Amino acid sequence: MTNNKDDKEQIIKDMQQVIHQMKLDDIEQDPNSEYELFDCSACAKEMPIAGSIQYSKYRLCNDCVLMYELALKLNKVKNIEEFMQKTEDMRLSELCNFIKQDKLKENN
């Protein structure tokens, strides 16, 4: 008999494979998509368009797509808006890091 932890681990492994394959498929269709960058709505990092998905008004990078889809599957969030609320601290942290790096560049 499998337990809930085993089920969750299998869900995570399966989802990782699917989301990674999406990125590979995008690169196969358009090799430039690996180098075309955008600012992810969830993590605020500049990430490749390959493997990204547009959810409503938000475009998520491949890593955040994985987090969002897992959060949905594991009933941690109900929709993209709730996910965006839960990832606000991550975005703010990334933006603060960007500002710090920018200031360092200005001082050199």
C-alpha atoms as a PDB file:
ATOM      1  CA  MET A   1       0.000   0.000   0.000  1.00  0.00           C
ATOM      2  CA  THR A   2       1.377   3.419  -0.954  1.00  0.00           C
ATOM      3  CA  ASN A   3       1.186   6.277   1.429  1.00  0.00           C
ATOM      4  CA  ASN A   4       0.397   9.913   0.809  1.00  0.00           C
ATOM      5  CA  LYS A   5       4.097  10.872   0.822  1.00  0.00           C
ATOM      6  CA  ASP A   6       4.836   8.311  -1.906  1.00  0.00           C
ATOM      7  CA  ASP A   7       1.908   9.613  -3.960  1.00  0.00           C
ATOM      8  CA  LYS A   8       3.135  13.212  -3.657  1.00  0.00           C
ATOM      9  CA  GLU A   9       6.679  12.230  -4.597  1.00  0.00           C
ATOM     10  CA  GLN A  10       5.399  10.412  -7.688  1.00  0.00           C
ATOM     11  CA  ILE A  11       3.250  13.403  -8.649  1.00  0.00           C
ATOM     12  CA  ILE A  12       6.306  15.657  -8.339  1.00  0.00           C
ATOM     13  CA  LYS A  13       8.521  13.336 -10.418  1.00  0.00           C
ATOM     14  CA  ASP A  14       5.879  12.972 -13.117  1.00  0.00           C
ATOM     15  CA  MET A  15       5.225  16.706 -13.254  1.00  0.00           C
ATOM     16  CA  GLN A  16       8.954  17.501 -13.448  1.00  0.00           C
ATOM     17  CA  GLN A  17       9.278  15.267 -16.492  1.00  0.00           C
ATOM     18  CA  VAL A  18       6.241  16.787 -18.229  1.00  0.00           C
ATOM     19  CA  ILE A  19       7.297  20.391 -17.600  1.00  0.00           C
ATOM     20  CA  HIS A  20      10.895  19.702 -18.659  1.00  0.00           C
ATOM     21  CA  GLN A  21       9.636  18.051 -21.848  1.00  0.00           C
ATOM     22  CA  MET A  22       7.574  21.156 -22.620  1.00  0.00           C
ATOM     23  CA  LYS A  23      10.773  23.191 -22.570  1.00  0.00           C
ATOM     24  CA  LEU A  24      12.572  20.709 -24.817  1.00  0.00           C
ATOM     25  CA  ASP A  25       9.616  20.707 -27.232  1.00  0.00           C
ATOM     26  CA  ASP A  26       9.654  24.517 -27.401  1.00  0.00           C
ATOM     27  CA  ILE A  27      13.391  24.503 -28.135  1.00  0.00           C
ATOM     28  CA  GLU A  28      12.913  21.862 -30.830  1.00  0.00           C
ATOM     29  CA  GLN A  29      10.160  23.948 -32.470  1.00  0.00           C
ATOM     30  CA  ASP A  30      12.111  27.195 -32.157  1.00  0.00           C
ATOM     31  CA  PRO A  31      15.778  26.910 -31.117  1.00  0.00           C
ATOM     32  CA  ASN A  32      15.888  30.669 -30.481  1.00  0.00           C
ATOM     33  CA  SER A  33      13.329  30.305 -27.675  1.00  0.00           C
ATOM     34  CA  GLU A  34      16.145  29.073 -25.435  1.00  0.00           C
ATOM     35  CA  TYR A  35      17.825  32.489 -25.779  1.00  0.00           C
ATOM     36  CA  GLU A  36      14.798  34.794 -25.992  1.00  0.00           C
ATOM     37  CA  LEU A  37      14.291  36.162 -22.495  1.00  0.00           C
ATOM     38  CA  PHE A  38      11.386  37.668 -20.586  1.00  0.00           C
ATOM     39  CA  ASP A  39      10.723  38.697 -16.977  1.00  0.00           C
ATOM     40  CA  CYS A  40       8.769  35.954 -15.237  1.00  0.00           C
ATOM     41  CA  SER A  41       5.633  37.244 -13.544  1.00  0.00           C
ATOM     42  CA  ALA A  42       6.109  34.904 -10.572  1.00  0.00           C
ATOM     43  CA  CYS A  43       9.826  34.932  -9.756  1.00  0.00           C
ATOM     44  CA  ALA A  44      10.721  38.245 -11.481  1.00  0.00           C
ATOM     45  CA  LYS A  45      13.828  36.654 -13.004  1.00  0.00           C
ATOM     46  CA  GLU A  46      14.840  37.118 -16.609  1.00  0.00           C
ATOM     47  CA  MET A  47      14.212  33.642 -18.030  1.00  0.00           C
ATOM     48  CA  PRO A  48      14.064  31.879 -21.415  1.00  0.00           C
ATOM     49  CA  ILE A  49      10.728  31.884 -23.208  1.00  0.00           C
ATOM     50  CA  ALA A  50      11.194  28.130 -23.857  1.00  0.00           C
ATOM     51  CA  GLY A  51       8.895  26.174 -21.586  1.00  0.00           C
ATOM     52  CA  SER A  52       7.074  29.253 -20.346  1.00  0.00           C
ATOM     53  CA  ILE A  53       3.291  29.462 -20.253  1.00  0.00           C
ATOM     54  CA  GLN A  54       0.888  32.385 -20.281  1.00  0.00           C
ATOM     55  CA  TYR A  55      -1.758  32.044 -17.545  1.00  0.00           C
ATOM     56  CA  SER A  56      -4.292  34.843 -17.834  1.00  0.00           C
ATOM     57  CA  LYS A  57      -2.233  38.039 -17.624  1.00  0.00           C
ATOM     58  CA  TYR A  58       0.832  36.289 -16.153  1.00  0.00           C
ATOM     59  CA  ARG A  59       3.683  34.616 -18.054  1.00  0.00           C
ATOM     60  CA  LEU A  60       5.556  32.075 -15.944  1.00  0.00           C
ATOM     61  CA  CYS A  61       8.996  30.650 -16.637  1.00  0.00           C
ATOM     62  CA  ASN A  62       9.449  26.897 -16.878  1.00  0.00           C
ATOM     63  CA  ASP A  63      10.519  26.648 -13.210  1.00  0.00           C
ATOM     64  CA  CYS A  64       7.495  28.608 -12.017  1.00  0.00           C
ATOM     65  CA  VAL A  65       5.183  26.640 -14.325  1.00  0.00           C
ATOM     66  CA  LEU A  66       6.371  23.555 -12.451  1.00  0.00           C
ATOM     67  CA  MET A  67       5.747  25.193  -9.073  1.00  0.00           C
ATOM     68  CA  TYR A  68       2.315  26.431 -10.125  1.00  0.00           C
ATOM     69  CA  GLU A  69       1.180  23.147 -11.660  1.00  0.00           C
ATOM     70  CA  LEU A  70       2.382  21.238  -8.593  1.00  0.00           C
ATOM     71  CA  ALA A  71       0.638  23.689  -6.282  1.00  0.00           C
ATOM     72  CA  LEU A  72      -2.581  23.140  -8.244  1.00  0.00           C
ATOM     73  CA  LYS A  73      -2.224  19.361  -8.297  1.00  0.00           C
ATOM     74  CA  LEU A  74      -1.436  19.207  -4.560  1.00  0.00           C
ATOM     75  CA  ASN A  75      -4.305  21.611  -3.738  1.00  0.00           C
ATOM     76  CA  LYS A  76      -2.002  24.312  -2.354  1.00  0.00           C
ATOM     77  CA  VAL A  77      -3.598  26.977  -4.585  1.00  0.00           C
ATOM     78  CA  LYS A  78      -6.885  27.239  -6.451  1.00  0.00           C
ATOM     79  CA  ASN A  79      -5.864  29.562  -9.305  1.00  0.00           C
ATOM     80  CA  ILE A  80      -3.113  31.712 -10.769  1.00  0.00           C
ATOM     81  CA  GLU A  81      -4.080  34.756  -8.704  1.00  0.00           C
ATOM     82  CA  GLU A  82      -3.638  32.809  -5.465  1.00  0.00           C
ATOM     83  CA  PHE A  83      -0.281  31.484  -6.700  1.00  0.00           C
ATOM     84  CA  MET A  84       0.839  35.009  -7.522  1.00  0.00           C
ATOM     85  CA  GLN A  85      -0.088  36.151  -4.003  1.00  0.00           C
ATOM     86  CA  LYS A  86       1.877  33.280  -2.483  1.00  0.00           C
ATOM     87  CA  THR A  87       4.967  34.066  -4.580  1.00  0.00           C
ATOM     88  CA  GLU A  88       5.025  37.793  -3.794  1.00  0.00           C
ATOM     89  CA  ASP A  89       7.925  37.479  -1.327  1.00  0.00           C
ATOM     90  CA  MET A  90       9.982  35.620  -3.938  1.00  0.00           C
ATOM     91  CA  ARG A  91       9.391  38.422  -6.484  1.00  0.00           C
ATOM     92  CA  LEU A  92      10.237  41.153  -3.997  1.00  0.00           C
ATOM     93  CA  SER A  93      13.428  39.383  -2.995  1.00  0.00           C
ATOM     94  CA  GLU A  94      14.504  39.061  -6.634  1.00  0.00           C
ATOM     95  CA  LEU A  95      13.711  42.715  -7.321  1.00  0.00           C
ATOM     96  CA  CYS A  96      15.753  43.759  -4.274  1.00  0.00           C
ATOM     97  CA  ASN A  97      18.672  41.662  -5.517  1.00  0.00           C
ATOM     98  CA  PHE A  98      18.384  43.300  -8.940  1.00  0.00           C
ATOM     99  CA  ILE A  99      18.472  46.771  -7.364  1.00  0.00           C
ATOM    100  CA  LYS A 100      21.501  45.844  -5.247  1.00  0.00           C
ATOM    101  CA  GLN A 101      23.358  44.497  -8.295  1.00  0.00           C
ATOM    102  CA  ASP A 102      22.467  47.606 -10.285  1.00  0.00           C
ATOM    103  CA  LYS A 103      23.824  49.864  -7.515  1.00  0.00           C
ATOM    104  CA  LEU A 104      27.042  47.833  -7.392  1.00  0.00           C
ATOM    105  CA  LYS A 105      27.475  48.322 -11.140  1.00  0.00           C
ATOM    106  CA  GLU A 106      26.951  52.073 -10.753  1.00  0.00           C
ATOM    107  CA  ASN A 107      29.600  52.281  -8.016  1.00  0.00           C
ATOM    108  CA  ASN A 108      32.270  50.531 -10.090  1.00  0.00           C
END
